[in-house]
């Protein structure tokens, strides 16, 4: 039985003091970039392991870097991201710790080589430089990526493998046969249409005629009146010809 102890539910994760507030203290100072201050505290305990505000911020920094790398240097953008997404990421952290506890019992691990390869894929060849942009150390990023790999493997072992064993081709076929027994599901959408064919030896005249026919159809002209309308407008030359097919009926399958 996994034990979870939440120490607080409603907190201010980040405090940001903007340039106007700083100017109120010292009006002679130049306008400064907003800064983020973290009030670090324990948010929850899972099996005795604490999850702190700092852990949450690092997780959010990595998520923010993946989604918005171009804004990683903007404190205001990061602060807005924290405000909007901290609850969801906090829930993810709690769930991850529960899965990691299960993985530890099952001895599911990720090798150092796999972690390094995943880090290169996420941060590129200049890992240290990109981690600095995300305000993360190599050790912090390593632990987060390692946990992600273990999570993927644990879920694959616990969930995906069971789903693949449960959904066999025979069961899919039986479910499909049962599905098409319903008359509503057997009725395919039918399409009734006619084809307008435009021919002329002069390519330019053909293009003009095509645009004219298209516009007439948009205006709601009846198909049977199309040929007569074009003749009245003297759009058809000696070599020009517009033909209309009989009614064609097809379903989605065909």
Protein backbone atom coordinates (compact mmCIF):
# COMPACT_ATOMS: atom_id res chain seq x y z
CA UNK A 1 0.00 0.00 0.00
CA UNK A 2 1.60 3.23 -1.16
CA UNK A 3 1.49 5.97 1.43
CA UNK A 4 1.08 9.59 0.33
CA UNK A 5 1.10 12.53 2.70
CA UNK A 6 0.22 15.94 1.30
CA UNK A 7 1.54 18.73 3.46
CA UNK A 8 -0.10 21.58 1.61
CA UNK A 9 -2.64 21.99 -1.12
CA UNK A 10 -2.77 25.70 -1.86
CA UNK A 11 0.52 27.58 -2.11
CA UNK A 12 2.20 30.38 -3.99
CA UNK A 13 4.92 28.61 -5.88
CA UNK A 14 6.61 31.62 -7.40
CA UNK A 15 6.97 35.22 -6.33
CA UNK A 16 7.97 37.66 -9.09
CA UNK A 17 8.85 41.29 -8.45
CA UNK A 18 8.54 43.38 -11.60
CA UNK A 19 10.45 46.46 -12.67
CA UNK A 20 7.73 48.94 -11.63
CA UNK A 21 7.87 47.59 -8.08
CA UNK A 22 11.63 47.96 -8.01
CA UNK A 23 11.30 51.50 -9.36
CA UNK A 24 8.98 52.38 -6.50
CA UNK A 25 11.82 51.57 -4.12
CA UNK A 26 14.44 53.43 -6.09
CA UNK A 27 13.09 55.58 -8.92
CA UNK A 28 16.60 56.33 -10.13
CA UNK A 29 17.34 52.72 -11.04
CA UNK A 30 16.98 51.66 -14.63
CA UNK A 31 14.17 49.34 -15.63
CA UNK A 32 15.12 45.78 -14.67
CA UNK A 33 14.09 42.41 -16.02
CA UNK A 34 11.53 40.69 -13.75
CA UNK A 35 13.09 38.07 -11.49
CA UNK A 36 11.69 34.85 -10.12
CA UNK A 37 12.08 33.94 -6.45
CA UNK A 38 11.30 30.43 -5.25
CA UNK A 39 9.92 29.82 -1.79
CA UNK A 40 11.17 26.26 -1.40
CA UNK A 41 9.09 23.99 0.82
CA UNK A 42 7.91 20.40 1.00
CA UNK A 43 4.69 19.90 -0.99
CA UNK A 44 4.10 16.19 -0.41
CA UNK A 45 5.68 13.01 0.93
CA UNK A 46 5.39 9.73 -0.95
CA UNK A 47 6.64 6.67 0.90
CA UNK A 48 8.70 9.01 3.02
CA UNK A 49 10.29 10.78 0.01
CA UNK A 50 9.61 14.54 -0.04
CA UNK A 51 8.61 16.46 -3.16
CA UNK A 52 9.67 20.08 -2.84
CA UNK A 53 8.84 23.25 -4.73
CA UNK A 54 12.36 23.13 -6.15
CA UNK A 55 11.73 19.64 -7.57
CA UNK A 56 8.53 20.90 -9.15
CA UNK A 57 10.22 23.96 -10.66
CA UNK A 58 12.97 21.84 -12.21
CA UNK A 59 10.38 19.58 -13.76
CA UNK A 60 8.52 22.61 -15.12
CA UNK A 61 11.76 24.13 -16.45
CA UNK A 62 12.45 20.98 -18.46
CA UNK A 63 8.91 20.90 -19.81
CA UNK A 64 9.08 24.60 -20.66
CA UNK A 65 12.42 24.13 -22.45
CA UNK A 66 10.97 21.33 -24.60
CA UNK A 67 7.87 23.29 -25.57
CA UNK A 68 9.13 26.89 -25.78
CA UNK A 69 12.93 26.91 -26.17
CA UNK A 70 12.82 30.35 -27.77
CA UNK A 71 11.38 31.89 -24.56
CA UNK A 72 13.65 30.11 -22.07
CA UNK A 73 15.45 33.35 -21.19
CA UNK A 74 12.21 35.23 -20.48
CA UNK A 75 11.41 35.24 -16.77
CA UNK A 76 7.92 36.58 -17.41
CA UNK A 77 7.10 33.76 -19.85
CA UNK A 78 8.40 31.13 -17.44
CA UNK A 79 6.42 32.64 -14.57
CA UNK A 80 3.20 32.50 -16.60
CA UNK A 81 3.96 28.88 -17.51
CA UNK A 82 4.46 28.06 -13.82
CA UNK A 83 1.15 29.65 -12.86
CA UNK A 84 -0.84 27.82 -15.52
CA UNK A 85 0.76 24.39 -15.38
CA UNK A 86 2.08 23.71 -11.88
CA UNK A 87 -0.98 21.75 -10.73
CA UNK A 88 -0.83 19.34 -13.67
CA UNK A 89 2.91 18.82 -13.41
CA UNK A 90 2.63 18.38 -9.64
CA UNK A 91 0.07 15.61 -10.22
CA UNK A 92 2.46 14.04 -12.72
CA UNK A 93 5.25 14.13 -10.16
CA UNK A 94 3.12 12.33 -7.58
CA UNK A 95 2.04 9.68 -10.08
CA UNK A 96 5.60 9.26 -11.28
CA UNK A 97 6.85 8.61 -7.77
CA UNK A 98 4.22 5.91 -7.32
CA UNK A 99 5.24 4.24 -10.59
CA UNK A 100 8.94 4.56 -9.74
CA UNK A 101 8.29 2.87 -6.41
CA UNK A 102 6.69 -0.02 -8.28
CA UNK A 103 9.60 -0.07 -10.74
CA UNK A 104 12.07 -0.29 -7.87
CA UNK A 105 10.28 -3.29 -6.44
CA UNK A 106 10.25 -4.91 -9.88
CA UNK A 107 13.92 -4.01 -10.44
CA UNK A 108 13.25 -2.09 -13.66
CA UNK A 109 16.23 0.13 -14.45
CA UNK A 110 17.72 2.33 -17.18
CA UNK A 111 21.40 1.99 -18.05
CA UNK A 112 23.74 4.98 -18.09
CA UNK A 113 24.21 4.57 -21.84
CA UNK A 114 20.48 4.74 -22.48
CA UNK A 115 20.17 7.85 -20.32
CA UNK A 116 23.04 9.62 -22.10
CA UNK A 117 21.57 8.74 -25.50
CA UNK A 118 18.17 10.11 -24.46
CA UNK A 119 19.77 13.30 -23.14
CA UNK A 120 21.52 13.87 -26.46
CA UNK A 121 18.21 13.46 -28.28
CA UNK A 122 16.46 15.92 -25.99
CA UNK A 123 19.19 18.54 -25.60
CA UNK A 124 21.31 18.03 -28.70
CA UNK A 125 25.07 17.62 -28.87
CA UNK A 126 25.74 20.80 -26.81
CA UNK A 127 24.17 19.36 -23.68
CA UNK A 128 25.89 21.61 -21.12
CA UNK A 129 25.13 24.82 -23.04
CA UNK A 130 21.46 23.90 -23.51
CA UNK A 131 21.10 22.82 -19.89
CA UNK A 132 22.43 26.21 -18.81
CA UNK A 133 19.66 27.84 -20.84
CA UNK A 134 17.14 25.67 -19.01
CA UNK A 135 18.74 26.57 -15.64
CA UNK A 136 19.53 22.92 -14.92
CA UNK A 137 22.67 21.09 -13.93
CA UNK A 138 23.85 17.92 -15.65
CA UNK A 139 23.07 15.85 -12.56
CA UNK A 140 19.53 17.23 -12.28
CA UNK A 141 18.80 16.57 -15.95
CA UNK A 142 20.30 13.07 -15.70
CA UNK A 143 17.99 12.12 -12.81
CA UNK A 144 14.90 13.47 -14.56
CA UNK A 145 15.67 11.71 -17.85
CA UNK A 146 16.52 8.49 -16.04
CA UNK A 147 13.17 8.61 -14.24
CA UNK A 148 11.37 9.21 -17.56
CA UNK A 149 12.98 6.14 -19.13
CA UNK A 150 12.12 3.96 -16.14
CA UNK A 151 8.53 5.24 -16.26
CA UNK A 152 8.23 4.36 -19.94
CA UNK A 153 9.55 0.86 -19.38
CA UNK A 154 7.41 0.26 -16.33
CA UNK A 155 4.24 1.40 -18.08
CA UNK A 156 5.22 -0.69 -21.08
CA UNK A 157 5.62 -3.75 -18.90
CA UNK A 158 2.55 -3.17 -16.74
CA UNK A 159 0.08 -1.70 -19.23
CA UNK A 160 1.05 -2.01 -22.87
CA UNK A 161 2.05 -5.67 -22.72
CA UNK A 162 -1.24 -6.59 -21.03
CA UNK A 163 -3.20 -4.63 -23.62
CA UNK A 164 -1.39 -6.36 -26.48
CA UNK A 165 -2.06 -9.76 -24.95
CA UNK A 166 -5.72 -8.91 -24.39
CA UNK A 167 -6.40 -7.55 -27.89
CA UNK A 168 -5.79 -10.43 -30.30
CA UNK A 169 -6.69 -10.55 -34.04
CA UNK A 170 -9.43 -13.07 -33.26
CA UNK A 171 -11.02 -10.78 -30.67
CA UNK A 172 -10.85 -7.86 -33.10
CA UNK A 173 -12.59 -9.95 -35.75
CA UNK A 174 -15.30 -11.05 -33.33
CA UNK A 175 -15.86 -7.46 -32.21
CA UNK A 176 -16.08 -6.31 -35.85
CA UNK A 177 -18.61 -9.02 -36.74
CA UNK A 178 -20.69 -7.99 -33.76
CA UNK A 179 -20.41 -4.34 -34.80
CA UNK A 180 -21.65 -4.86 -38.38
CA UNK A 181 -24.63 -6.90 -37.17
CA UNK A 182 -26.17 -3.56 -36.28
CA UNK A 183 -28.02 -2.33 -39.43
CA UNK A 184 -27.04 1.25 -38.70
CA UNK A 185 -23.35 0.33 -38.85
CA UNK A 186 -23.73 -1.60 -42.13
CA UNK A 187 -25.20 1.36 -44.00
CA UNK A 188 -22.31 3.10 -45.71
CA UNK A 189 -22.58 6.74 -46.72
CA UNK A 190 -23.66 6.94 -50.36
CA UNK A 191 -22.59 9.62 -52.78
CA UNK A 192 -24.76 10.68 -55.73
CA UNK A 193 -22.94 12.86 -58.23
CA UNK A 194 -22.49 13.78 -61.90
CA UNK A 195 -19.27 14.63 -63.72
CA UNK A 196 -18.85 17.73 -65.88
CA UNK A 197 -16.29 17.29 -68.66
CA UNK A 198 -14.89 20.33 -70.46
CA UNK A 199 -12.96 20.00 -73.72
CA UNK A 200 -11.40 22.54 -76.07
CA UNK A 201 -8.31 22.54 -78.26
CA UNK A 202 -7.32 25.94 -76.93
CA UNK A 203 -5.92 25.49 -73.43
CA UNK A 204 -6.54 29.11 -72.43
CA UNK A 205 -10.18 28.92 -73.53
CA UNK A 206 -10.50 25.69 -71.55
CA UNK A 207 -9.23 27.41 -68.41
CA UNK A 208 -11.62 30.34 -68.85
CA UNK A 209 -14.50 27.97 -69.51
CA UNK A 210 -13.63 25.89 -66.44
CA UNK A 211 -13.66 28.93 -64.17
CA UNK A 212 -16.99 30.03 -65.67
CA UNK A 213 -18.58 26.61 -65.10
CA UNK A 214 -17.24 26.52 -61.56
CA UNK A 215 -18.70 29.94 -60.78
CA UNK A 216 -22.07 29.00 -62.29
CA UNK A 217 -22.22 25.90 -60.12
CA UNK A 218 -21.39 27.97 -57.05
CA UNK A 219 -24.21 30.36 -57.97
CA UNK A 220 -26.62 27.41 -57.87
CA UNK A 221 -27.34 26.82 -61.55
CA UNK A 222 -29.05 23.52 -62.34
CA UNK A 223 -26.79 21.00 -64.04
CA UNK A 224 -29.27 20.39 -66.86
CA UNK A 225 -29.25 24.11 -67.68
CA UNK A 226 -25.44 24.37 -67.79
CA UNK A 227 -24.97 23.61 -71.50
CA UNK A 228 -27.74 25.99 -72.61
CA UNK A 229 -26.43 28.78 -70.39
CA UNK A 230 -22.93 28.52 -71.85
CA UNK A 231 -24.33 28.62 -75.39
CA UNK A 232 -26.39 31.73 -74.61
CA UNK A 233 -23.28 33.43 -73.26
CA UNK A 234 -21.44 32.33 -76.41
CA UNK A 235 -18.77 30.71 -74.26
CA UNK A 236 -18.53 27.63 -76.49
CA UNK A 237 -16.61 27.88 -79.73
CA UNK A 238 -16.57 25.41 -82.59
CA UNK A 239 -14.18 23.14 -80.78
CA UNK A 240 -15.57 23.73 -77.30
CA UNK A 241 -17.66 21.05 -75.67
CA UNK A 242 -19.19 20.57 -72.23
CA UNK A 243 -20.72 17.19 -71.43
CA UNK A 244 -22.58 16.01 -68.36
CA UNK A 245 -22.53 12.40 -67.20
CA UNK A 246 -25.45 10.37 -65.95
CA UNK A 247 -26.09 10.10 -62.23
CA UNK A 248 -23.36 8.05 -60.51
CA UNK A 249 -23.92 6.39 -57.14
CA UNK A 250 -21.05 5.18 -54.96
CA UNK A 251 -20.46 4.45 -51.31
CA UNK A 252 -17.45 5.29 -49.14
CA UNK A 253 -15.92 1.86 -49.66
CA UNK A 254 -15.83 2.18 -53.46
